[in-house]
Amino acid sequence: MAQIAPSPLIQVHHPTIPAPASSPSPTLKTPTKIQYPLWFGGSASCMAVVVSHPLDLLKVRMQMKPGEAKGAAVETNTGTFGTAMRILRSEGVRGLYAGFSAGFTRQLTYGTIRIATYETLKHRFTPTASHSQIPSTPSPLTLTLLASLSGFLGALPGNASDIANIRMQNDASLPPTRRYGYRHVLHAWSSMYRAEGTFFWTKGIMPNAFRCAMMTGCQLGSYDIFKGLIARWVVGPEQREGAVVHTGASLGAAFVATTVCSPVDVVKTQLMGGGGGKRRSVWRVVAELTRSDGVFWVFRGWLPSFVRLGPQTVATLILLEQHKKVYRELMGEADY
């Protein structure tokens, strides 16, 4: 039987398939620290003062009674609503905007400087962000201290406008012989310079500066604190820049700022409201208020202060957030 030769080994050559390139594992984009233009705060503040000025005027009128309005007509209703109705009846809608030029100028100086300084310091002290949905922020204590320093610095150049603002807002409630008659903020400054000397702008500057430090610490500092808490515990990190967070945080900041600053605000208004060369110390004002109103003077004008600070804080901070949002969109940054 013929022997069958073994068939040659058939080698099958499989085409070499290159191993798929390893795709990079997806990574979360690290939130970046954005330095916003410094004028954003002043722009938002000047827009907000259109809403808040009438409420600020009501607060000043209530805080000035009865000390600086002696000799004026006796007022039986000292509530917020009663004060507003008296102004409308006697001065019209225009009366609610008395001193608006001074209030606007104050926001150009104080409003711009305090927010610009706070945003700059906050940017400087913000730790480098990790891969996270929420950008890192300084600690609550750091935020409060930075905001307080910013408010103190902003109050110094804004003091002259603040004096003019208070006097112009309260002028119509004084007896005719004691009225200042300032037409606008520049006329107020020139009149004060002639009557009170070169350093008229320093009147009440220290109480005002400390009040602004407390106000800004409570307002801007607590706003960022409330913002983080609401984003973390209520709506979730993805809604950190939503309307609910902005509104809730600004209302919380307004409540804290009004309550903490009410006593200092009353003293500041009394010091700045007095004219001429007469100067009163802080302790003398406190003693006079305590004799006339008891300890409850510390909350004089609290409700109109909160009614003012609520809309003013909400408007300022929401407008500031909108400035930032548009800037992020223009710069192509994620809307964290």
Protein backbone atom coordinates (compact mmCIF):
# COMPACT_ATOMS: atom_id res chain seq x y z
CA MET A 1 0.00 0.00 0.00
CA ALA A 2 1.42 3.26 -1.03
CA GLN A 3 2.48 5.47 1.84
CA ILE A 4 0.77 8.83 1.86
CA ALA A 5 3.24 11.59 2.43
CA PRO A 6 2.17 13.96 5.13
CA SER A 7 0.78 17.18 3.80
CA PRO A 8 2.96 20.14 4.37
CA LEU A 9 2.11 22.23 7.40
CA ILE A 10 -0.22 24.97 6.41
CA GLN A 11 0.64 28.14 8.19
CA VAL A 12 -2.18 30.56 8.49
CA HIS A 13 -1.00 34.10 8.78
CA HIS A 14 -3.52 36.18 10.72
CA PRO A 15 -3.37 39.84 9.95
CA THR A 16 -1.88 41.77 12.77
CA ILE A 17 -4.57 43.90 14.34
CA PRO A 18 -3.06 46.85 16.14
CA ALA A 19 -4.17 47.18 19.70
CA PRO A 20 -6.63 50.00 20.09
CA ALA A 21 -5.02 53.10 21.37
CA SER A 22 -5.89 53.60 24.96
CA SER A 23 -8.34 56.46 25.17
CA PRO A 24 -7.55 58.96 27.88
CA SER A 25 -9.78 58.59 30.86
CA PRO A 26 -12.30 61.39 31.07
CA THR A 27 -11.35 64.06 33.53
CA LEU A 28 -13.37 66.77 35.08
CA LYS A 29 -12.46 70.27 34.08
CA THR A 30 -10.88 72.09 36.93
CA PRO A 31 -12.78 75.25 37.81
CA THR A 32 -10.62 78.24 37.06
CA LYS A 33 -10.07 81.33 39.15
CA ILE A 34 -11.47 84.19 37.12
CA GLN A 35 -10.44 87.78 37.76
CA TYR A 36 -13.41 89.95 36.83
CA PRO A 37 -13.17 93.63 35.82
CA LEU A 38 -13.07 95.89 38.85
CA TRP A 39 -15.88 98.17 37.68
CA PHE A 40 -18.53 95.43 37.83
CA GLY A 41 -19.36 96.18 41.48
CA GLY A 42 -19.79 99.90 40.89
CA SER A 43 -21.96 99.30 37.85
CA ALA A 44 -24.24 96.91 39.74
CA SER A 45 -24.40 99.25 42.77
CA CYS A 46 -25.36 102.27 40.66
CA MET A 47 -28.13 100.28 38.97
CA ALA A 48 -29.44 99.04 42.32
CA VAL A 49 -29.55 102.51 43.93
CA VAL A 50 -32.41 103.43 41.60
CA VAL A 51 -34.51 100.85 43.48
CA SER A 52 -33.09 101.32 46.97
CA HIS A 53 -32.86 105.12 47.29
CA PRO A 54 -36.50 105.76 48.34
CA LEU A 55 -36.20 103.02 50.97
CA ASP A 56 -32.91 104.48 52.17
CA LEU A 57 -34.62 107.86 52.52
CA LEU A 58 -37.36 106.33 54.71
CA LYS A 59 -34.70 104.76 56.92
CA VAL A 60 -32.89 108.09 57.36
CA ARG A 61 -36.10 109.98 58.17
CA MET A 62 -37.00 107.44 60.86
CA GLN A 63 -33.50 107.31 62.35
CA MET A 64 -33.25 111.11 62.59
CA LYS A 65 -36.40 111.42 64.71
CA PRO A 66 -36.75 112.98 67.18
CA GLY A 67 -33.29 114.39 67.85
CA GLU A 68 -32.49 116.35 64.69
CA ALA A 69 -36.03 117.30 63.79
CA LYS A 70 -36.80 119.35 66.90
CA GLY A 71 -38.91 122.32 66.01
CA ALA A 72 -40.46 120.59 63.04
CA ALA A 73 -44.12 119.70 62.84
CA VAL A 74 -45.20 117.12 65.40
CA GLU A 75 -45.56 113.71 63.77
CA THR A 76 -47.97 111.24 65.29
CA ASN A 77 -47.34 108.24 63.06
CA THR A 78 -43.72 107.19 63.08
CA GLY A 79 -44.11 103.88 61.27
CA THR A 80 -42.59 103.07 57.91
CA PHE A 81 -45.89 103.28 56.05
CA GLY A 82 -46.91 106.48 57.83
CA THR A 83 -43.57 108.11 57.02
CA ALA A 84 -43.88 107.13 53.36
CA MET A 85 -47.43 108.50 53.11
CA ARG A 86 -46.42 111.83 54.72
CA ILE A 87 -43.60 112.24 52.22
CA LEU A 88 -45.88 111.48 49.29
CA ARG A 89 -48.54 113.91 50.53
CA SER A 90 -46.17 116.78 51.30
CA GLU A 91 -43.38 116.29 48.74
CA GLY A 92 -44.79 114.01 46.05
CA VAL A 93 -42.99 111.09 44.42
CA ARG A 94 -39.99 113.33 43.81
CA GLY A 95 -39.55 113.62 47.57
CA LEU A 96 -38.66 109.94 47.75
CA TYR A 97 -35.64 110.66 45.53
CA ALA A 98 -34.31 113.65 47.47
CA GLY A 99 -30.51 113.41 47.52
CA PHE A 100 -30.36 110.93 44.65
CA SER A 101 -27.28 112.60 43.13
CA ALA A 102 -25.41 112.08 46.42
CA GLY A 103 -26.63 108.49 46.71
CA PHE A 104 -25.51 107.74 43.16
CA THR A 105 -22.12 109.37 43.76
CA ARG A 106 -21.72 107.32 46.93
CA GLN A 107 -22.17 104.12 44.96
CA LEU A 108 -19.62 105.30 42.38
CA THR A 109 -17.04 105.58 45.16
CA TYR A 110 -17.96 103.37 48.11
CA GLY A 111 -19.82 100.75 46.07
CA THR A 112 -17.10 100.40 43.46
CA ILE A 113 -14.17 100.30 45.88
CA ARG A 114 -15.62 97.88 48.43
CA ILE A 115 -16.75 95.27 45.88
CA ALA A 116 -13.63 95.62 43.72
CA THR A 117 -11.39 95.25 46.77
CA TYR A 118 -13.35 92.26 48.07
CA GLU A 119 -13.33 90.47 44.72
CA THR A 120 -9.60 91.10 44.32
CA LEU A 121 -8.77 89.85 47.82
CA LYS A 122 -11.10 86.88 47.48
CA HIS A 123 -9.40 85.94 44.19
CA ARG A 124 -6.00 86.25 45.88
CA PHE A 125 -6.94 84.08 48.86
CA THR A 126 -8.94 81.45 46.97
CA PRO A 127 -7.05 78.13 47.12
CA THR A 128 -6.20 76.31 43.90
CA ALA A 129 -9.27 74.33 42.86
CA SER A 130 -9.26 70.54 42.65
CA HIS A 131 -11.25 68.42 40.18
CA SER A 132 -14.67 69.21 41.51
CA GLN A 133 -18.04 70.52 40.48
CA ILE A 134 -17.72 73.41 42.90
CA PRO A 135 -14.81 75.87 42.80
CA SER A 136 -12.86 76.24 45.99
CA THR A 137 -13.57 79.23 48.18
CA PRO A 138 -11.82 80.75 51.20
CA SER A 139 -13.05 79.80 54.66
CA PRO A 140 -16.08 81.64 56.13
CA LEU A 141 -13.85 83.53 58.57
CA THR A 142 -11.52 84.61 55.76
CA LEU A 143 -14.45 85.78 53.63
CA THR A 144 -15.85 87.84 56.51
CA LEU A 145 -12.50 89.46 57.31
CA LEU A 146 -11.76 90.26 53.67
CA ALA A 147 -15.20 91.78 53.20
CA SER A 148 -14.89 93.84 56.39
CA LEU A 149 -11.55 95.27 55.30
CA SER A 150 -13.01 96.10 51.89
CA GLY A 151 -15.95 97.94 53.44
CA PHE A 152 -13.67 99.95 55.73
CA LEU A 153 -11.48 101.06 52.82
CA GLY A 154 -14.46 101.89 50.63
CA ALA A 155 -16.06 104.08 53.30
CA LEU A 156 -13.16 106.53 53.47
CA PRO A 157 -13.50 108.07 49.97
CA GLY A 158 -17.27 107.64 50.10
CA ASN A 159 -17.78 109.59 53.33
CA ALA A 160 -18.32 113.01 51.74
CA SER A 161 -21.09 111.63 49.53
CA ASP A 162 -22.61 109.86 52.52
CA ILE A 163 -22.85 113.10 54.52
CA ALA A 164 -24.48 114.90 51.60
CA ASN A 165 -26.84 111.99 51.02
CA ILE A 166 -28.11 111.93 54.62
CA ARG A 167 -28.56 115.70 54.84
CA MET A 168 -30.37 115.95 51.51
CA GLN A 169 -32.65 113.03 52.34
CA ASN A 170 -33.60 114.46 55.73
CA ASP A 171 -33.76 118.14 54.72
CA ALA A 172 -37.51 118.38 54.12
CA SER A 173 -38.29 117.04 57.61
CA LEU A 174 -36.42 119.93 59.28
CA PRO A 175 -37.89 123.35 60.14
CA PRO A 176 -37.42 125.79 57.24
CA THR A 177 -34.84 127.83 59.17
CA ARG A 178 -32.62 124.77 59.67
CA ARG A 179 -32.71 123.33 56.17
CA TYR A 180 -29.53 123.08 54.11
CA GLY A 181 -31.11 123.59 50.70
CA TYR A 182 -28.51 121.60 48.80
CA ARG A 183 -29.45 121.38 45.11
CA HIS A 184 -27.15 118.49 44.21
CA VAL A 185 -24.09 116.71 45.54
CA LEU A 186 -21.55 119.26 44.19
CA HIS A 187 -23.52 122.13 45.71
CA ALA A 188 -23.61 120.19 48.99
CA TRP A 189 -19.84 119.73 49.02
CA SER A 190 -19.14 123.40 48.24
CA SER A 191 -21.62 124.55 50.91
CA MET A 192 -20.12 122.24 53.53
CA TYR A 193 -16.63 123.41 52.62
CA ARG A 194 -17.58 127.06 53.17
CA ALA A 195 -19.51 126.42 56.40
CA GLU A 196 -17.47 123.67 58.04
CA GLY A 197 -13.96 123.96 56.66
CA THR A 198 -11.59 121.80 54.66
CA PHE A 199 -12.15 118.66 56.68
CA PHE A 200 -15.95 118.63 56.44
CA TRP A 201 -15.72 115.24 54.75
CA THR A 202 -14.27 113.65 57.91
CA LYS A 203 -17.42 114.20 59.97
CA GLY A 204 -18.48 110.86 61.42
CA ILE A 205 -15.88 109.09 59.30
CA MET A 206 -14.77 106.54 61.89
CA PRO A 207 -18.26 105.38 62.92
CA ASN A 208 -19.14 105.28 59.24
CA ALA A 209 -16.02 103.30 58.32
CA PHE A 210 -16.61 100.74 61.07
CA ARG A 211 -20.28 100.55 60.16
CA CYS A 212 -19.34 99.94 56.51
CA ALA A 213 -16.82 97.32 57.60
CA MET A 214 -19.51 95.53 59.59
CA MET A 215 -22.05 95.97 56.80
CA THR A 216 -19.79 94.65 54.06
CA GLY A 217 -18.51 91.82 56.24
CA CYS A 218 -22.08 90.73 56.92
CA GLN A 219 -23.34 91.49 53.42
CA LEU A 220 -20.68 90.27 50.97
CA GLY A 221 -19.04 87.77 53.30
CA SER A 222 -22.26 86.11 54.42
CA TYR A 223 -23.58 86.17 50.84
CA ASP A 224 -20.79 83.86 49.71
CA ILE A 225 -21.27 81.73 52.83
CA PHE A 226 -25.04 81.41 52.29
CA LYS A 227 -24.44 80.78 48.61
CA GLY A 228 -22.23 77.80 49.38
CA LEU A 229 -24.64 76.41 51.99
CA ILE A 230 -27.71 76.69 49.75
CA ALA A 231 -25.87 75.15 46.81
CA ARG A 232 -24.66 72.27 48.95
CA TRP A 233 -27.75 71.46 51.01
CA VAL A 234 -30.75 72.75 49.07
CA VAL A 235 -30.44 72.84 45.29
CA GLY A 236 -27.25 70.90 44.54
CA PRO A 237 -23.84 71.99 43.22
CA GLU A 238 -24.99 72.14 39.60
CA GLN A 239 -27.40 74.97 40.48
CA ARG A 240 -24.81 77.06 42.32
CA GLU A 241 -25.27 79.99 39.95
CA GLY A 242 -29.06 79.78 39.74
CA ALA A 243 -31.64 82.40 40.68
CA VAL A 244 -32.78 80.48 43.78
CA VAL A 245 -29.26 80.49 45.23
CA HIS A 246 -28.62 84.16 44.41
CA THR A 247 -31.95 85.35 45.82
CA GLY A 248 -31.86 83.22 48.97
CA ALA A 249 -28.24 84.08 49.74
CA SER A 250 -28.78 87.81 49.23
CA LEU A 251 -31.88 87.88 51.46
CA GLY A 252 -29.99 86.00 54.18
CA ALA A 253 -27.11 88.45 53.87
CA ALA A 254 -29.50 91.41 54.11
CA PHE A 255 -31.07 90.05 57.31
CA VAL A 256 -27.69 89.47 58.97
CA ALA A 257 -26.32 92.86 57.89
CA THR A 258 -29.38 94.79 59.07
CA THR A 259 -29.47 93.16 62.49
CA VAL A 260 -25.76 93.49 63.19
CA CYS A 261 -25.37 97.03 61.86
CA SER A 262 -28.59 98.66 63.11
CA PRO A 263 -27.09 100.33 66.25
CA VAL A 264 -24.03 101.65 64.39
CA ASP A 265 -26.23 102.86 61.55
CA VAL A 266 -28.41 104.92 63.90
CA VAL A 267 -25.36 106.57 65.51
CA LYS A 268 -23.81 107.28 62.10
CA THR A 269 -27.00 108.93 60.86
CA GLN A 270 -27.21 111.13 63.97
CA LEU A 271 -23.56 112.22 63.68
CA MET A 272 -23.74 113.05 59.98
CA GLY A 273 -27.16 114.67 60.11
CA GLY A 274 -26.08 117.52 62.36
CA GLY A 275 -24.77 120.61 60.61
CA GLY A 276 -22.58 123.57 61.40
CA GLY A 277 -19.33 123.28 63.26
CA LYS A 278 -20.94 121.44 66.16
CA ARG A 279 -19.37 118.04 66.75
CA ARG A 280 -20.72 115.34 69.02
CA SER A 281 -18.86 112.27 70.16
CA VAL A 282 -20.18 108.76 69.62
CA TRP A 283 -20.73 108.31 73.36
CA ARG A 284 -22.68 111.55 73.64
CA VAL A 285 -24.99 110.47 70.82
CA VAL A 286 -25.49 107.06 72.47
CA ALA A 287 -26.31 108.74 75.80
CA GLU A 288 -28.82 111.11 74.18
CA LEU A 289 -30.53 108.28 72.30
CA THR A 290 -30.73 106.13 75.42
CA ARG A 291 -32.28 108.97 77.44
CA SER A 292 -34.89 109.71 74.78
CA ASP A 293 -35.77 106.21 73.55
CA GLY A 294 -34.36 103.74 76.06
CA VAL A 295 -32.36 100.74 74.91
CA PHE A 296 -34.70 100.12 71.99
CA TRP A 297 -33.04 102.91 70.00
CA VAL A 298 -30.66 100.24 68.67
CA PHE A 299 -33.48 98.95 66.46
CA ARG A 300 -34.82 102.34 65.41
CA GLY A 301 -35.51 102.10 61.69
CA TRP A 302 -34.75 98.34 61.57
CA LEU A 303 -37.75 97.54 59.39
CA PRO A 304 -37.10 100.23 56.75
CA SER A 305 -33.41 99.28 56.90
CA PHE A 306 -34.29 95.68 56.10
CA VAL A 307 -36.88 96.72 53.53
CA ARG A 308 -34.15 98.81 51.92
CA LEU A 309 -31.31 96.32 52.30
CA GLY A 310 -33.35 93.41 51.01
CA PRO A 311 -34.09 94.86 47.55
CA GLN A 312 -30.77 96.72 47.46
CA THR A 313 -28.73 93.64 48.32
CA VAL A 314 -30.73 91.37 46.02
CA ALA A 315 -30.52 93.87 43.15
CA THR A 316 -26.81 94.62 43.63
CA LEU A 317 -25.67 91.02 43.95
CA ILE A 318 -27.92 89.60 41.23
CA LEU A 319 -26.83 92.36 38.85
CA LEU A 320 -23.22 91.65 39.83
CA GLU A 321 -23.76 87.94 39.11
CA GLN A 322 -25.24 88.81 35.71
CA HIS A 323 -22.19 90.93 34.92
CA LYS A 324 -20.03 87.93 35.80
CA LYS A 325 -22.17 85.50 33.80
CA VAL A 326 -21.93 87.58 30.63
CA TYR A 327 -18.18 87.94 31.15
CA ARG A 328 -17.75 84.17 31.54
CA GLU A 329 -19.72 83.59 28.35
CA LEU A 330 -17.58 86.09 26.47
CA MET A 331 -14.40 84.48 27.83
CA GLY A 332 -15.63 80.95 27.08
CA GLU A 333 -15.46 79.84 30.70
CA ALA A 334 -17.75 77.23 32.24
CA ASP A 335 -20.69 78.67 34.15
CA TYR A 336 -19.92 77.19 37.57
